Amino acid sequence: MDLFEQLDNRPGNLLPYEGTVNYYGPIMSRRDADQYFDSLMREIPWRNDEAVIYGRRIITRRKVAWHADLPASYTYSNTTRTALPWTPVLLMLKDLVQSVSGETYNSCLLNLYHDGSEGMAWHSDAEIDLKPNGAIGSLSFGAERKFAFKHKRTKETVSKFLQHGSLLVMRGATQTYWLHRLPPTRTVTTPRINLTFRTVNLTDSD
């Protein structure tokens, strides 16, 4: 651990080069994580995700929601969405993630994976609306799942199992040089909720 990490209590970097990923582990009690999971399942207006791939519109079993400071439009996977206002629970979680990570965020993309058959293919979060080299705070609830990184040039891989109530933060040039994914698995039969707090260029759509 270098001096900078000692000063800000930041965990070591999971990546060997050209990027920074810090895994904090669980940042709340098991009881609190259970309560947040139940609240998110009930209160978030989940919708099936959509993507346009090679000109075809695909609707996934995985469900999503997007909340932000403004009712702004945000485009990813060639699909545009309009942000919903923060809920009280999301605001509490945003404050917690900002406090632990030392970063600030103005939006949150939420994903609901019903079981291990649902995952995410290799990709990087490099949408033009995202703040360049901005931090992305990934908060996980529910089933413990493997999260993997792959370097775009060398193909070297790194993986970590993300625990219930845990925080992982991607920083700096990570999206430029690394892909990440949530691989499907047959061993997980329970749901997982993932919140990715990020900073985007928000323009009020009204």
C-alpha atoms as a PDB file:
ATOM      1  CA  MET A   1       0.000   0.000   0.000  1.00  0.00           C
ATOM      2  CA  ASP A   2       1.478   3.354  -1.004  1.00  0.00           C
ATOM      3  CA  LEU A   3       1.356   6.609   0.979  1.00  0.00           C
ATOM      4  CA  PHE A   4      -1.653   7.972  -0.922  1.00  0.00           C
ATOM      5  CA  GLU A   5      -3.672   4.860  -0.104  1.00  0.00           C
ATOM      6  CA  GLN A   6      -2.693   5.157   3.548  1.00  0.00           C
ATOM      7  CA  LEU A   7      -3.825   8.775   3.680  1.00  0.00           C
ATOM      8  CA  ASP A   8      -7.312   8.202   2.269  1.00  0.00           C
ATOM      9  CA  ASN A   9      -7.859   4.613   3.509  1.00  0.00           C
ATOM     10  CA  ARG A  10      -8.406   3.475  -0.065  1.00  0.00           C
ATOM     11  CA  PRO A  11      -8.030  -0.297  -0.638  1.00  0.00           C
ATOM     12  CA  GLY A  12      -5.323  -1.587  -2.936  1.00  0.00           C
ATOM     13  CA  ASN A  13      -5.758  -1.536  -6.713  1.00  0.00           C
ATOM     14  CA  LEU A  14      -7.164  -4.775  -8.165  1.00  0.00           C
ATOM     15  CA  LEU A  15      -5.745  -3.954 -11.604  1.00  0.00           C
ATOM     16  CA  PRO A  16      -2.049  -4.495 -12.392  1.00  0.00           C
ATOM     17  CA  TYR A  17      -1.723  -1.474 -14.713  1.00  0.00           C
ATOM     18  CA  GLU A  18      -3.548   1.180 -16.778  1.00  0.00           C
ATOM     19  CA  GLY A  19      -6.524   1.638 -14.487  1.00  0.00           C
ATOM     20  CA  THR A  20      -7.659   1.723 -10.874  1.00  0.00           C
ATOM     21  CA  VAL A  21     -10.293  -0.474  -9.247  1.00  0.00           C
ATOM     22  CA  ASN A  22     -10.739  -0.399  -5.472  1.00  0.00           C
ATOM     23  CA  TYR A  23     -12.848  -3.021  -3.686  1.00  0.00           C
ATOM     24  CA  TYR A  24     -14.002  -1.920  -0.219  1.00  0.00           C
ATOM     25  CA  GLY A  25     -15.929  -5.068   0.650  1.00  0.00           C
ATOM     26  CA  PRO A  26     -19.165  -4.713   2.637  1.00  0.00           C
ATOM     27  CA  ILE A  27     -19.670  -1.094   3.750  1.00  0.00           C
ATOM     28  CA  MET A  28     -22.693  -1.790   5.968  1.00  0.00           C
ATOM     29  CA  SER A  29     -24.019  -4.438   8.308  1.00  0.00           C
ATOM     30  CA  ARG A  30     -25.711  -7.562   6.976  1.00  0.00           C
ATOM     31  CA  ARG A  31     -28.976  -6.392   8.525  1.00  0.00           C
ATOM     32  CA  ASP A  32     -28.799  -3.005   6.780  1.00  0.00           C
ATOM     33  CA  ALA A  33     -27.899  -4.658   3.476  1.00  0.00           C
ATOM     34  CA  ASP A  34     -30.923  -6.949   3.781  1.00  0.00           C
ATOM     35  CA  GLN A  35     -33.213  -3.987   4.466  1.00  0.00           C
ATOM     36  CA  TYR A  36     -31.854  -1.978   1.525  1.00  0.00           C
ATOM     37  CA  PHE A  37     -32.238  -4.995  -0.760  1.00  0.00           C
ATOM     38  CA  ASP A  38     -35.889  -5.439   0.250  1.00  0.00           C
ATOM     39  CA  SER A  39     -36.601  -1.717  -0.176  1.00  0.00           C
ATOM     40  CA  LEU A  40     -35.032  -1.581  -3.640  1.00  0.00           C
ATOM     41  CA  MET A  41     -36.944  -4.655  -4.778  1.00  0.00           C
ATOM     42  CA  ARG A  42     -40.245  -3.085  -3.687  1.00  0.00           C
ATOM     43  CA  GLU A  43     -39.814   0.606  -4.460  1.00  0.00           C
ATOM     44  CA  ILE A  44     -37.791   0.856  -7.689  1.00  0.00           C
ATOM     45  CA  PRO A  45     -39.917   0.984 -10.890  1.00  0.00           C
ATOM     46  CA  TRP A  46     -37.991  -1.822 -12.579  1.00  0.00           C
ATOM     47  CA  ARG A  47     -38.294  -2.225 -16.361  1.00  0.00           C
ATOM     48  CA  ASN A  48     -36.823  -4.791 -18.743  1.00  0.00           C
ATOM     49  CA  ASP A  49     -33.655  -3.454 -20.297  1.00  0.00           C
ATOM     50  CA  GLU A  50     -33.484  -2.715 -24.025  1.00  0.00           C
ATOM     51  CA  ALA A  51     -30.527  -2.529 -26.384  1.00  0.00           C
ATOM     52  CA  VAL A  52     -30.050  -2.066 -30.103  1.00  0.00           C
ATOM     53  CA  ILE A  53     -27.468  -4.560 -31.399  1.00  0.00           C
ATOM     54  CA  TYR A  54     -26.656  -4.685 -35.114  1.00  0.00           C
ATOM     55  CA  GLY A  55     -29.875  -2.829 -35.817  1.00  0.00           C
ATOM     56  CA  ARG A  56     -32.061  -5.205 -33.803  1.00  0.00           C
ATOM     57  CA  ARG A  57     -33.850  -4.156 -30.620  1.00  0.00           C
ATOM     58  CA  ILE A  58     -33.253  -6.701 -27.864  1.00  0.00           C
ATOM     59  CA  ILE A  59     -35.295  -6.873 -24.654  1.00  0.00           C
ATOM     60  CA  THR A  60     -33.553  -8.604 -21.772  1.00  0.00           C
ATOM     61  CA  ARG A  61     -34.902 -10.442 -18.727  1.00  0.00           C
ATOM     62  CA  ARG A  62     -32.602  -8.274 -16.648  1.00  0.00           C
ATOM     63  CA  LYS A  63     -34.401  -5.194 -15.387  1.00  0.00           C
ATOM     64  CA  VAL A  64     -33.055  -1.671 -14.981  1.00  0.00           C
ATOM     65  CA  ALA A  65     -33.847   1.798 -13.673  1.00  0.00           C
ATOM     66  CA  TRP A  66     -32.068   5.151 -13.950  1.00  0.00           C
ATOM     67  CA  HIS A  67     -32.278   7.958 -11.391  1.00  0.00           C
ATOM     68  CA  ALA A  68     -30.502  11.321 -11.410  1.00  0.00           C
ATOM     69  CA  ASP A  69     -30.406  14.905 -10.179  1.00  0.00           C
ATOM     70  CA  LEU A  70     -32.440  16.043 -13.217  1.00  0.00           C
ATOM     71  CA  PRO A  71     -35.054  14.356 -15.471  1.00  0.00           C
ATOM     72  CA  ALA A  72     -32.365  14.166 -18.137  1.00  0.00           C
ATOM     73  CA  SER A  73     -31.906  11.871 -21.113  1.00  0.00           C
ATOM     74  CA  TYR A  74     -29.081   9.346 -21.099  1.00  0.00           C
ATOM     75  CA  THR A  75     -28.105   7.001 -23.924  1.00  0.00           C
ATOM     76  CA  TYR A  76     -26.356   3.639 -23.637  1.00  0.00           C
ATOM     77  CA  SER A  77     -26.594   0.483 -25.770  1.00  0.00           C
ATOM     78  CA  ASN A  78     -28.092   2.752 -28.452  1.00  0.00           C
ATOM     79  CA  THR A  79     -31.174   3.297 -26.305  1.00  0.00           C
ATOM     80  CA  THR A  80     -32.188   6.610 -24.698  1.00  0.00           C
ATOM     81  CA  ARG A  81     -33.733   6.743 -21.242  1.00  0.00           C
ATOM     82  CA  THR A  82     -35.085   9.595 -19.126  1.00  0.00           C
ATOM     83  CA  ALA A  83     -33.976   9.735 -15.509  1.00  0.00           C
ATOM     84  CA  LEU A  84     -36.364   9.420 -12.601  1.00  0.00           C
ATOM     85  CA  PRO A  85     -35.966  11.495  -9.421  1.00  0.00           C
ATOM     86  CA  TRP A  86     -34.029  10.113  -6.477  1.00  0.00           C
ATOM     87  CA  THR A  87     -35.969   8.068  -3.929  1.00  0.00           C
ATOM     88  CA  PRO A  88     -35.170   8.541  -0.220  1.00  0.00           C
ATOM     89  CA  VAL A  89     -33.423   5.153  -0.118  1.00  0.00           C
ATOM     90  CA  LEU A  90     -31.291   5.940  -3.178  1.00  0.00           C
ATOM     91  CA  LEU A  91     -30.284   9.300  -1.700  1.00  0.00           C
ATOM     92  CA  MET A  92     -29.153   7.577   1.505  1.00  0.00           C
ATOM     93  CA  LEU A  93     -27.120   5.074  -0.501  1.00  0.00           C
ATOM     94  CA  LYS A  94     -25.641   7.823  -2.696  1.00  0.00           C
ATOM     95  CA  ASP A  95     -24.497   9.718   0.401  1.00  0.00           C
ATOM     96  CA  LEU A  96     -22.957   6.545   1.821  1.00  0.00           C
ATOM     97  CA  VAL A  97     -21.094   5.687  -1.383  1.00  0.00           C
ATOM     98  CA  GLN A  98     -19.833   9.263  -1.738  1.00  0.00           C
ATOM     99  CA  SER A  99     -18.609   9.271   1.859  1.00  0.00           C
ATOM    100  CA  VAL A 100     -16.765   5.943   1.540  1.00  0.00           C
ATOM    101  CA  SER A 101     -15.330   6.505  -1.959  1.00  0.00           C
ATOM    102  CA  GLY A 102     -14.458  10.197  -1.612  1.00  0.00           C
ATOM    103  CA  GLU A 103     -16.148  10.848  -4.978  1.00  0.00           C
ATOM    104  CA  THR A 104     -19.342  12.661  -6.009  1.00  0.00           C
ATOM    105  CA  TYR A 105     -22.050  11.345  -8.330  1.00  0.00           C
ATOM    106  CA  ASN A 106     -25.157  12.834  -9.970  1.00  0.00           C
ATOM    107  CA  SER A 107     -26.902   9.693 -11.248  1.00  0.00           C
ATOM    108  CA  CYS A 108     -27.384   5.979 -10.686  1.00  0.00           C
ATOM    109  CA  LEU A 109     -28.032   3.129 -13.105  1.00  0.00           C
ATOM    110  CA  LEU A 110     -29.609   0.143 -11.336  1.00  0.00           C
ATOM    111  CA  ASN A 111     -29.645  -3.469 -12.546  1.00  0.00           C
ATOM    112  CA  LEU A 112     -31.758  -6.356 -11.270  1.00  0.00           C
ATOM    113  CA  TYR A 113     -30.499  -9.862 -12.104  1.00  0.00           C
ATOM    114  CA  HIS A 114     -33.128 -12.448 -11.158  1.00  0.00           C
ATOM    115  CA  ASP A 115     -30.627 -15.318 -10.918  1.00  0.00           C
ATOM    116  CA  GLY A 116     -27.252 -16.482 -12.217  1.00  0.00           C
ATOM    117  CA  SER A 117     -28.545 -17.082 -15.742  1.00  0.00           C
ATOM    118  CA  GLU A 118     -28.628 -13.314 -16.254  1.00  0.00           C
ATOM    119  CA  GLY A 119     -25.348 -11.470 -16.656  1.00  0.00           C
ATOM    120  CA  MET A 120     -23.563  -8.798 -18.647  1.00  0.00           C
ATOM    121  CA  ALA A 121     -21.216  -9.298 -21.611  1.00  0.00           C
ATOM    122  CA  TRP A 122     -17.753  -7.735 -21.905  1.00  0.00           C
ATOM    123  CA  HIS A 123     -18.038  -3.953 -22.228  1.00  0.00           C
ATOM    124  CA  SER A 124     -16.634  -0.675 -20.944  1.00  0.00           C
ATOM    125  CA  ASP A 125     -18.650   2.257 -19.647  1.00  0.00           C
ATOM    126  CA  ALA A 126     -17.498   4.789 -22.215  1.00  0.00           C
ATOM    127  CA  GLU A 127     -20.681   6.587 -23.267  1.00  0.00           C
ATOM    128  CA  ILE A 128     -20.110  10.142 -24.474  1.00  0.00           C
ATOM    129  CA  ASP A 129     -22.402  11.480 -21.734  1.00  0.00           C
ATOM    130  CA  LEU A 130     -20.146  10.127 -18.986  1.00  0.00           C
ATOM    131  CA  LYS A 131     -17.604  12.367 -17.294  1.00  0.00           C
ATOM    132  CA  PRO A 132     -14.192  11.501 -18.850  1.00  0.00           C
ATOM    133  CA  ASN A 133     -12.226   9.294 -16.436  1.00  0.00           C
ATOM    134  CA  GLY A 134     -14.953   9.817 -13.863  1.00  0.00           C
ATOM    135  CA  ALA A 135     -15.340   7.377 -10.995  1.00  0.00           C
ATOM    136  CA  ILE A 136     -18.098   4.753 -11.056  1.00  0.00           C
ATOM    137  CA  GLY A 137     -19.201   3.396  -7.696  1.00  0.00           C
ATOM    138  CA  SER A 138     -20.735  -0.091  -7.905  1.00  0.00           C
ATOM    139  CA  LEU A 139     -22.823  -1.130  -4.897  1.00  0.00           C
ATOM    140  CA  SER A 140     -24.021  -4.756  -4.754  1.00  0.00           C
ATOM    141  CA  PHE A 141     -26.919  -6.368  -2.888  1.00  0.00           C
ATOM    142  CA  GLY A 142     -28.196  -9.922  -2.820  1.00  0.00           C
ATOM    143  CA  ALA A 143     -26.472 -12.900  -4.408  1.00  0.00           C
ATOM    144  CA  GLU A 144     -22.674 -12.907  -4.394  1.00  0.00           C
ATOM    145  CA  ARG A 145     -21.505 -12.825  -8.017  1.00  0.00           C
ATOM    146  CA  LYS A 146     -18.165 -12.919  -9.818  1.00  0.00           C
ATOM    147  CA  PHE A 147     -17.155  -9.648 -11.534  1.00  0.00           C
ATOM    148  CA  ALA A 148     -14.363  -9.811 -14.116  1.00  0.00           C
ATOM    149  CA  PHE A 149     -12.027  -7.408 -15.918  1.00  0.00           C
ATOM    150  CA  LYS A 150     -10.136  -7.986 -19.177  1.00  0.00           C
ATOM    151  CA  HIS A 151      -7.431  -5.711 -20.576  1.00  0.00           C
ATOM    152  CA  LYS A 152      -8.323  -4.605 -24.100  1.00  0.00           C
ATOM    153  CA  ARG A 153      -4.789  -5.109 -25.479  1.00  0.00           C
ATOM    154  CA  THR A 154      -3.098  -7.825 -23.420  1.00  0.00           C
ATOM    155  CA  LYS A 155      -6.306  -9.813 -22.657  1.00  0.00           C
ATOM    156  CA  GLU A 156      -5.117 -10.290 -19.072  1.00  0.00           C
ATOM    157  CA  THR A 157      -8.050 -10.944 -16.734  1.00  0.00           C
ATOM    158  CA  VAL A 158      -8.751 -10.099 -13.104  1.00  0.00           C
ATOM    159  CA  SER A 159     -11.854 -11.123 -11.149  1.00  0.00           C
ATOM    160  CA  LYS A 160     -13.464 -10.540  -7.766  1.00  0.00           C
ATOM    161  CA  PHE A 161     -16.543 -11.941  -6.030  1.00  0.00           C
ATOM    162  CA  LEU A 162     -18.775  -9.039  -4.958  1.00  0.00           C
ATOM    163  CA  GLN A 163     -20.407  -9.526  -1.575  1.00  0.00           C
ATOM    164  CA  HIS A 164     -23.824  -8.468  -0.311  1.00  0.00           C
ATOM    165  CA  GLY A 165     -23.627  -4.781   0.696  1.00  0.00           C
ATOM    166  CA  SER A 166     -20.189  -4.289  -0.867  1.00  0.00           C
ATOM    167  CA  LEU A 167     -18.706  -1.383  -2.828  1.00  0.00           C
ATOM    168  CA  LEU A 168     -16.348  -1.498  -5.816  1.00  0.00           C
ATOM    169  CA  VAL A 169     -15.105   1.751  -7.414  1.00  0.00           C
ATOM    170  CA  MET A 170     -13.643   2.048 -10.924  1.00  0.00           C
ATOM    171  CA  ARG A 171     -11.508   5.163 -11.417  1.00  0.00           C
ATOM    172  CA  GLY A 172      -9.254   7.006 -13.846  1.00  0.00           C
ATOM    173  CA  ALA A 173      -8.420   5.312 -17.153  1.00  0.00           C
ATOM    174  CA  THR A 174     -10.071   1.973 -16.272  1.00  0.00           C
ATOM    175  CA  GLN A 175     -12.776   2.307 -18.941  1.00  0.00           C
ATOM    176  CA  THR A 176     -10.179   3.252 -21.571  1.00  0.00           C
ATOM    177  CA  TYR A 177      -8.024   0.154 -21.131  1.00  0.00           C
ATOM    178  CA  TRP A 178     -10.236  -2.490 -19.517  1.00  0.00           C
ATOM    179  CA  LEU A 179     -13.494  -4.293 -20.273  1.00  0.00           C
ATOM    180  CA  HIS A 180     -15.653  -5.731 -17.505  1.00  0.00           C
ATOM    181  CA  ARG A 181     -18.490  -8.226 -17.294  1.00  0.00           C
ATOM    182  CA  LEU A 182     -20.783 -10.160 -14.980  1.00  0.00           C
ATOM    183  CA  PRO A 183     -20.487 -13.758 -16.229  1.00  0.00           C
ATOM    184  CA  PRO A 184     -23.581 -15.992 -16.007  1.00  0.00           C
ATOM    185  CA  THR A 185     -23.457 -18.944 -13.636  1.00  0.00           C
ATOM    186  CA  ARG A 186     -25.634 -21.967 -12.915  1.00  0.00           C
ATOM    187  CA  THR A 187     -24.735 -22.010  -9.235  1.00  0.00           C
ATOM    188  CA  VAL A 188     -26.654 -18.822  -8.303  1.00  0.00           C
ATOM    189  CA  THR A 189     -30.432 -19.148  -7.998  1.00  0.00           C
ATOM    190  CA  THR A 190     -31.256 -15.936  -6.114  1.00  0.00           C
ATOM    191  CA  PRO A 191     -31.444 -12.296  -7.282  1.00  0.00           C
ATOM    192  CA  ARG A 192     -28.784  -9.595  -7.224  1.00  0.00           C
ATOM    193  CA  ILE A 193     -29.262  -5.829  -7.356  1.00  0.00           C
ATOM    194  CA  ASN A 194     -26.403  -3.625  -8.523  1.00  0.00           C
ATOM    195  CA  LEU A 195     -26.307   0.175  -8.277  1.00  0.00           C
ATOM    196  CA  THR A 196     -23.718   2.009 -10.373  1.00  0.00           C
ATOM    197  CA  PHE A 197     -23.322   5.589  -9.233  1.00  0.00           C
ATOM    198  CA  ARG A 198     -21.765   7.775 -11.915  1.00  0.00           C
ATOM    199  CA  THR A 199     -21.348  11.355 -13.119  1.00  0.00           C
ATOM    200  CA  VAL A 200     -22.955  12.198 -16.448  1.00  0.00           C
ATOM    201  CA  ASN A 201     -23.511  15.367 -18.441  1.00  0.00           C
ATOM    202  CA  LEU A 202     -27.071  16.141 -17.385  1.00  0.00           C
ATOM    203  CA  THR A 203     -29.280  18.360 -19.511  1.00  0.00           C
ATOM    204  CA  ASP A 204     -32.860  18.809 -18.353  1.00  0.00           C
ATOM    205  CA  SER A 205     -35.118  17.179 -20.934  1.00  0.00           C
ATOM    206  CA  ASP A 206     -38.045  19.530 -20.126  1.00  0.00           C
END
